[in-house]
Amino acid sequence: MAKKNQEFMTKNKQKNQEMTWADSGKKVVGGLRRAVFLVIKRLPRLKTAVSQFASYLAVHKFLRGFQPKIRVQFEKGNFIVKTVESWAELEQVLKLRHEVFHCEFIGTPLPFPLDFDRFDPLGDHLVIVDKEQGKIVGTYRLICSRFSENFYSASEFHLDGFLKEPGVKLELSRACIHRDYRDGVVIALLWRGLVQYIQQSQAAFLFGCASIRSMDPAEVRVIYEYLAAKQFLSNDHGIGPVDSYRMRGWDPKLVEPKETDAGKAMIPPLLNAYLRAGAKVYGQPALDEAFKCVDLFTVLKMDKLTPGFERRYQTGENPQS
């Protein structure tokens, strides 16, 4: 009887041990599955981080010797208006752009807090410096056809016809102002600096992507209807978005000229300033999914300045006033 009890206890012990090993195995497998799942889930972020780091190293190496193509510098009150002259200044620009575009606008900070692309070395970077704070609080990227044949806008739009037009062309892009300085003073100073740059470069055309912070075709159509009613649209040069930037659900045939308060209210201040100066929007909109906005290709011909703006251009006053 004692022998049978001992055999029973031995078998039961072996069975419990097997169950313990089985449970441990399940836990290990479960843990591995969770770990693999987390790795797979984070792969895009890791891939982005690695890509950003590689790009940062390349850009840092390339831009360390950055030199301005055209020099602009003057002071007004507590501010310095200038084109950046060093990597240290340019790094401040890239940090400000990251803060405004990635953190504030789209709410997705990058692993490395710099907003940069392959077009940054091609142009100049006009900046406003707060002398007391010692920091850059506003910026405009300027790419001139005298120094480059490549433009950011061409990554979104077909521009061959426009770029063949005689005359120096100046692309305006990546305009942003620190949130604590959006009282009209900094944008006015940017325009004064821009006037000096235009005069030195002898630009005949200003152009670039004017952004609408919406991706809704219905909202964009309201804006286009207003632009059409005010004769701010042009179909010259066959300009239109490249395939990867086409806006799904957009049908230009549905656009009918309508001068509505809603359409006027939806036009951002910077685009409104261009339009008041005599600019026009060319072709159809481009959808920029990365920045969650729609871009309108906008051109201002310097020989077509409106009378009211021409005085502001000569004095460098704020065109939004």
Protein backbone atom coordinates (compact mmCIF):
# COMPACT_ATOMS: atom_id res chain seq x y z
CA MET A 1 0.00 0.00 0.00
CA ALA A 2 2.83 2.37 0.92
CA LYS A 3 4.57 1.48 -2.35
CA LYS A 4 1.47 2.35 -4.38
CA ASN A 5 1.10 5.64 -2.54
CA GLN A 6 4.74 6.47 -3.26
CA GLU A 7 4.30 5.64 -6.96
CA PHE A 8 1.15 7.78 -7.07
CA MET A 9 2.96 10.71 -5.42
CA THR A 10 5.92 10.36 -7.78
CA LYS A 11 3.66 10.36 -10.87
CA ASN A 12 1.68 13.30 -9.51
CA LYS A 13 4.91 15.21 -8.86
CA GLN A 14 6.12 14.48 -12.39
CA LYS A 15 2.75 15.59 -13.78
CA ASN A 16 2.86 18.85 -11.78
CA GLN A 17 6.42 19.44 -12.93
CA GLU A 18 5.36 18.89 -16.55
CA MET A 19 2.48 21.33 -16.06
CA THR A 20 4.90 23.87 -14.52
CA TRP A 21 7.26 23.51 -17.47
CA ALA A 22 4.31 23.83 -19.86
CA ASP A 23 3.07 26.94 -18.09
CA SER A 24 6.56 28.43 -18.12
CA GLY A 25 6.86 27.61 -21.81
CA LYS A 26 3.54 29.32 -22.52
CA LYS A 27 4.65 32.37 -20.57
CA VAL A 28 7.95 32.52 -22.48
CA VAL A 29 6.19 32.13 -25.82
CA GLY A 30 3.61 34.73 -24.78
CA GLY A 31 6.37 37.10 -23.74
CA LEU A 32 8.21 36.59 -27.01
CA ARG A 33 5.01 37.22 -28.95
CA ARG A 34 4.43 40.46 -27.09
CA ALA A 35 8.04 41.51 -27.63
CA VAL A 36 7.85 40.73 -31.36
CA PHE A 37 4.54 42.60 -31.58
CA LEU A 38 6.04 45.68 -29.89
CA VAL A 39 9.09 45.58 -32.16
CA ILE A 40 6.90 45.30 -35.26
CA LYS A 41 4.65 48.08 -33.95
CA ARG A 42 7.61 50.34 -33.41
CA LEU A 43 9.44 49.47 -36.63
CA PRO A 44 8.07 52.48 -38.56
CA ARG A 45 9.16 54.81 -35.76
CA LEU A 46 12.56 53.13 -35.53
CA LYS A 47 12.90 53.30 -39.30
CA THR A 48 11.98 56.99 -39.23
CA ALA A 49 14.46 57.64 -36.43
CA VAL A 50 17.29 55.86 -38.27
CA SER A 51 16.42 57.68 -41.50
CA GLN A 52 16.28 61.03 -39.71
CA PHE A 53 19.62 60.39 -38.00
CA ALA A 54 21.28 59.44 -41.29
CA SER A 55 19.80 62.52 -42.97
CA TYR A 56 20.87 64.71 -40.06
CA LEU A 57 24.48 63.50 -40.31
CA ALA A 58 24.50 64.07 -44.07
CA VAL A 59 22.92 67.52 -43.87
CA HIS A 60 25.07 68.53 -40.89
CA LYS A 61 28.22 67.58 -42.79
CA PHE A 62 27.03 69.30 -45.97
CA LEU A 63 25.76 72.49 -44.34
CA ARG A 64 28.63 73.13 -41.95
CA GLY A 65 30.24 75.27 -44.63
CA PHE A 66 27.00 77.04 -45.54
CA GLN A 67 27.44 80.50 -47.06
CA PRO A 68 24.73 82.96 -48.13
CA LYS A 69 24.27 83.62 -51.84
CA ILE A 70 23.04 87.16 -51.20
CA ARG A 71 23.72 89.08 -48.00
CA VAL A 72 21.01 91.13 -46.35
CA GLN A 73 21.43 92.71 -42.92
CA PHE A 74 19.91 95.67 -41.09
CA GLU A 75 18.48 96.46 -37.67
CA LYS A 76 15.10 97.78 -36.64
CA GLY A 77 14.42 98.37 -32.95
CA ASN A 78 15.06 95.21 -30.98
CA PHE A 79 15.43 93.08 -34.12
CA ILE A 80 18.09 92.17 -36.66
CA VAL A 81 16.97 91.26 -40.19
CA LYS A 82 19.53 89.18 -42.07
CA THR A 83 20.33 86.17 -44.20
CA VAL A 84 21.97 83.39 -42.19
CA GLU A 85 25.74 83.09 -42.56
CA SER A 86 26.68 79.98 -40.58
CA TRP A 87 25.63 76.46 -39.65
CA ALA A 88 24.90 77.64 -36.10
CA GLU A 89 22.35 80.15 -37.38
CA LEU A 90 20.90 77.68 -39.86
CA GLU A 91 20.48 75.07 -37.13
CA GLN A 92 18.37 77.60 -35.19
CA VAL A 93 16.21 78.04 -38.31
CA LEU A 94 15.70 74.29 -38.65
CA LYS A 95 14.76 74.02 -34.96
CA LEU A 96 12.23 76.85 -35.26
CA ARG A 97 10.67 75.24 -38.34
CA HIS A 98 10.42 71.92 -36.51
CA GLU A 99 8.74 73.59 -33.55
CA VAL A 100 6.18 75.37 -35.75
CA PHE A 101 5.49 72.81 -38.48
CA HIS A 102 5.92 69.47 -36.72
CA CYS A 103 5.08 70.19 -33.08
CA GLU A 104 2.52 72.97 -33.38
CA PHE A 105 0.81 72.39 -36.74
CA ILE A 106 0.72 68.61 -37.21
CA GLY A 107 1.47 67.50 -33.64
CA THR A 108 4.08 64.92 -34.62
CA PRO A 109 7.60 65.80 -33.43
CA LEU A 110 10.48 64.20 -35.31
CA PRO A 111 13.06 62.01 -33.51
CA PHE A 112 15.61 64.75 -34.19
CA PRO A 113 14.09 68.21 -33.70
CA LEU A 114 15.14 69.71 -37.03
CA ASP A 115 12.99 70.39 -40.09
CA PHE A 116 15.23 70.09 -43.13
CA ASP A 117 15.14 68.82 -46.69
CA ARG A 118 17.38 68.64 -49.75
CA PHE A 119 16.42 72.18 -50.80
CA ASP A 120 17.87 73.92 -47.73
CA PRO A 121 21.44 74.09 -49.11
CA LEU A 122 20.20 75.56 -52.40
CA GLY A 123 18.85 78.84 -51.09
CA ASP A 124 19.21 81.61 -48.57
CA HIS A 125 17.41 81.79 -45.24
CA LEU A 126 16.10 85.21 -44.29
CA VAL A 127 15.65 85.51 -40.52
CA ILE A 128 14.50 87.88 -37.80
CA VAL A 129 16.66 87.82 -34.66
CA ASP A 130 15.43 89.08 -31.29
CA LYS A 131 18.54 90.88 -30.00
CA GLU A 132 17.53 90.71 -26.32
CA GLN A 133 16.70 87.00 -26.41
CA GLY A 134 19.49 86.16 -28.85
CA LYS A 135 17.25 83.84 -30.85
CA ILE A 136 15.72 83.55 -34.30
CA VAL A 137 11.96 84.18 -34.19
CA GLY A 138 10.99 84.26 -37.88
CA THR A 139 12.28 82.87 -41.15
CA TYR A 140 11.71 82.63 -44.91
CA ARG A 141 13.57 80.26 -47.26
CA LEU A 142 14.49 81.92 -50.55
CA ILE A 143 15.66 79.90 -53.58
CA CYS A 144 16.70 82.03 -56.55
CA SER A 145 16.94 80.81 -60.15
CA ARG A 146 20.29 82.61 -60.41
CA PHE A 147 21.77 79.97 -58.11
CA SER A 148 19.55 76.89 -58.52
CA GLU A 149 17.49 75.06 -61.11
CA ASN A 150 15.74 72.97 -58.46
CA PHE A 151 12.79 74.18 -56.41
CA TYR A 152 10.64 72.74 -53.66
CA SER A 153 7.42 73.58 -55.56
CA ALA A 154 8.50 71.32 -58.41
CA SER A 155 8.22 68.32 -56.08
CA GLU A 156 4.45 68.98 -55.92
CA PHE A 157 3.63 70.67 -59.24
CA HIS A 158 4.52 70.37 -62.93
CA LEU A 159 6.40 73.64 -63.48
CA ASP A 160 8.28 73.18 -66.76
CA GLY A 161 6.20 75.76 -68.63
CA PHE A 162 6.50 78.35 -65.89
CA LEU A 163 10.25 77.88 -65.33
CA LYS A 164 10.92 78.44 -69.05
CA GLU A 165 9.43 81.94 -68.77
CA PRO A 166 12.23 84.57 -69.15
CA GLY A 167 13.24 86.42 -65.99
CA VAL A 168 14.79 85.70 -62.58
CA LYS A 169 12.51 83.67 -60.35
CA LEU A 170 12.53 83.62 -56.57
CA GLU A 171 10.80 80.83 -54.67
CA LEU A 172 9.46 81.65 -51.20
CA SER A 173 8.96 78.71 -48.88
CA ARG A 174 9.08 77.46 -45.28
CA ALA A 175 7.86 80.78 -43.89
CA CYS A 176 7.18 80.60 -40.16
CA ILE A 177 7.15 82.78 -37.05
CA HIS A 178 7.52 81.78 -33.41
CA ARG A 179 4.13 81.70 -31.68
CA ASP A 180 5.13 84.47 -29.25
CA TYR A 181 5.89 86.93 -32.07
CA ARG A 182 2.80 86.80 -34.27
CA ASP A 183 1.71 90.35 -33.65
CA GLY A 184 2.50 91.69 -37.13
CA VAL A 185 5.93 93.15 -36.31
CA VAL A 186 8.00 90.13 -37.39
CA ILE A 187 6.06 89.49 -40.61
CA ALA A 188 6.52 93.19 -41.50
CA LEU A 189 10.27 92.87 -40.94
CA LEU A 190 10.40 89.70 -43.04
CA TRP A 191 8.78 91.62 -45.88
CA ARG A 192 11.28 94.48 -45.52
CA GLY A 193 14.11 91.96 -45.72
CA LEU A 194 12.43 90.26 -48.66
CA VAL A 195 12.23 93.59 -50.52
CA GLN A 196 15.99 94.03 -50.19
CA TYR A 197 16.56 90.48 -51.39
CA ILE A 198 14.28 90.97 -54.41
CA GLN A 199 16.12 94.15 -55.36
CA GLN A 200 19.55 92.53 -55.06
CA SER A 201 18.52 89.38 -56.97
CA GLN A 202 16.56 91.40 -59.58
CA ALA A 203 13.74 88.87 -59.32
CA ALA A 204 10.93 89.24 -61.86
CA PHE A 205 8.73 86.52 -60.36
CA LEU A 206 7.96 85.47 -56.80
CA PHE A 207 6.41 82.04 -56.48
CA GLY A 208 5.74 79.24 -54.07
CA CYS A 209 3.20 76.98 -52.38
CA ALA A 210 0.58 78.78 -50.33
CA SER A 211 -0.78 76.33 -47.77
CA ILE A 212 -4.41 75.88 -46.71
CA ARG A 213 -4.73 74.01 -43.42
CA SER A 214 -7.44 71.66 -44.64
CA MET A 215 -7.59 68.43 -46.61
CA ASP A 216 -11.34 68.57 -47.25
CA PRO A 217 -12.14 68.92 -51.00
CA ALA A 218 -15.43 70.67 -50.17
CA GLU A 219 -13.63 73.38 -48.16
CA VAL A 220 -10.98 73.83 -50.82
CA ARG A 221 -13.70 74.14 -53.46
CA VAL A 222 -15.25 77.06 -51.51
CA ILE A 223 -11.87 78.81 -51.59
CA TYR A 224 -11.45 78.15 -55.33
CA GLU A 225 -14.93 79.48 -56.02
CA TYR A 226 -14.01 82.70 -54.24
CA LEU A 227 -10.68 82.93 -56.12
CA ALA A 228 -12.49 82.35 -59.42
CA ALA A 229 -15.05 85.06 -58.65
CA LYS A 230 -12.27 87.55 -57.85
CA GLN A 231 -10.29 86.52 -60.98
CA PHE A 232 -7.38 85.29 -58.89
CA LEU A 233 -7.06 82.00 -60.83
CA SER A 234 -4.92 81.32 -63.90
CA ASN A 235 -4.52 78.28 -66.14
CA ASP A 236 -1.34 79.54 -67.82
CA HIS A 237 1.70 77.27 -68.24
CA GLY A 238 -0.31 74.04 -67.74
CA ILE A 239 0.51 73.87 -64.04
CA GLY A 240 -0.99 71.02 -62.04
CA PRO A 241 -0.06 68.65 -59.21
CA VAL A 242 2.18 65.64 -59.83
CA ASP A 243 0.46 62.27 -59.45
CA SER A 244 1.57 61.67 -55.86
CA TYR A 245 0.06 65.01 -54.77
CA ARG A 246 -3.28 64.79 -56.56
CA MET A 247 -6.25 65.48 -54.32
CA ARG A 248 -8.71 62.60 -54.16
CA GLY A 249 -12.29 63.72 -54.60
CA TRP A 250 -11.29 66.97 -56.30
CA ASP A 251 -13.21 67.86 -59.46
CA PRO A 252 -12.40 71.26 -61.04
CA LYS A 253 -15.66 71.06 -63.00
CA LEU A 254 -17.56 71.60 -59.74
CA VAL A 255 -15.88 74.97 -59.15
CA GLU A 256 -18.27 77.81 -59.97
CA PRO A 257 -17.35 81.47 -59.33
CA LYS A 258 -18.96 82.47 -56.04
CA GLU A 259 -17.83 85.42 -53.94
CA THR A 260 -18.83 84.19 -50.49
CA ASP A 261 -17.85 85.37 -47.02
CA ALA A 262 -16.94 81.76 -46.16
CA GLY A 263 -14.48 81.55 -49.05
CA LYS A 264 -12.88 84.88 -48.14
CA ALA A 265 -12.57 83.91 -44.46
CA MET A 266 -10.80 80.63 -45.28
CA ILE A 267 -7.92 82.29 -47.16
CA PRO A 268 -4.88 82.48 -44.82
CA PRO A 269 -3.25 85.89 -44.17
CA LEU A 270 -0.06 85.17 -46.15
CA LEU A 271 -1.93 84.08 -49.28
CA ASN A 272 -4.26 87.05 -48.88
CA ALA A 273 -1.22 89.35 -48.82
CA TYR A 274 0.08 87.82 -52.05
CA LEU A 275 -3.33 88.22 -53.73
CA ARG A 276 -3.63 91.84 -52.66
CA ALA A 277 -0.19 92.43 -54.14
CA GLY A 278 -1.37 91.13 -57.51
CA ALA A 279 -0.54 87.41 -57.30
CA LYS A 280 -2.60 84.64 -58.84
CA VAL A 281 -3.13 80.96 -58.06
CA TYR A 282 -2.16 78.71 -60.95
CA GLY A 283 -3.76 75.36 -61.77
CA GLN A 284 -5.30 72.87 -59.37
CA PRO A 285 -4.43 72.26 -55.68
CA ALA A 286 -1.90 69.74 -54.41
CA LEU A 287 -2.55 67.57 -51.36
CA ASP A 288 0.37 67.49 -48.92
CA GLU A 289 -0.55 64.59 -46.64
CA ALA A 290 2.70 64.82 -44.67
CA PHE A 291 1.83 68.30 -43.42
CA LYS A 292 -1.95 67.75 -43.47
CA CYS A 293 -2.66 70.66 -45.79
CA VAL A 294 -3.46 71.64 -49.37
CA ASP A 295 -0.97 73.73 -51.34
CA LEU A 296 -1.88 76.29 -53.99
CA PHE A 297 0.80 77.25 -56.52
CA THR A 298 0.99 81.05 -56.34
CA VAL A 299 2.87 83.48 -58.61
CA LEU A 300 3.43 87.22 -58.20
CA LYS A 301 4.85 89.03 -61.24
CA MET A 302 6.84 92.04 -60.06
CA ASP A 303 5.74 94.12 -63.06
CA LYS A 304 2.10 93.46 -62.15
CA LEU A 305 2.17 94.84 -58.61
CA THR A 306 -1.07 96.51 -57.61
CA PRO A 307 -0.75 100.29 -57.03
CA GLY A 308 -1.45 100.00 -53.31
CA PHE A 309 1.18 97.33 -52.85
CA GLU A 310 3.80 99.05 -55.00
CA ARG A 311 4.17 101.79 -52.38
CA ARG A 312 4.53 99.17 -49.65
CA TYR A 313 7.09 97.33 -51.80
CA GLN A 314 9.15 100.50 -52.16
CA THR A 315 9.06 101.24 -48.41
CA GLY A 316 9.06 97.63 -47.18
CA GLU A 317 5.87 98.10 -45.20
CA ASN A 318 3.75 95.18 -44.05
CA PRO A 319 1.59 94.11 -47.04
CA GLN A 320 -1.02 92.65 -44.68
CA SER A 321 -1.85 96.05 -43.20
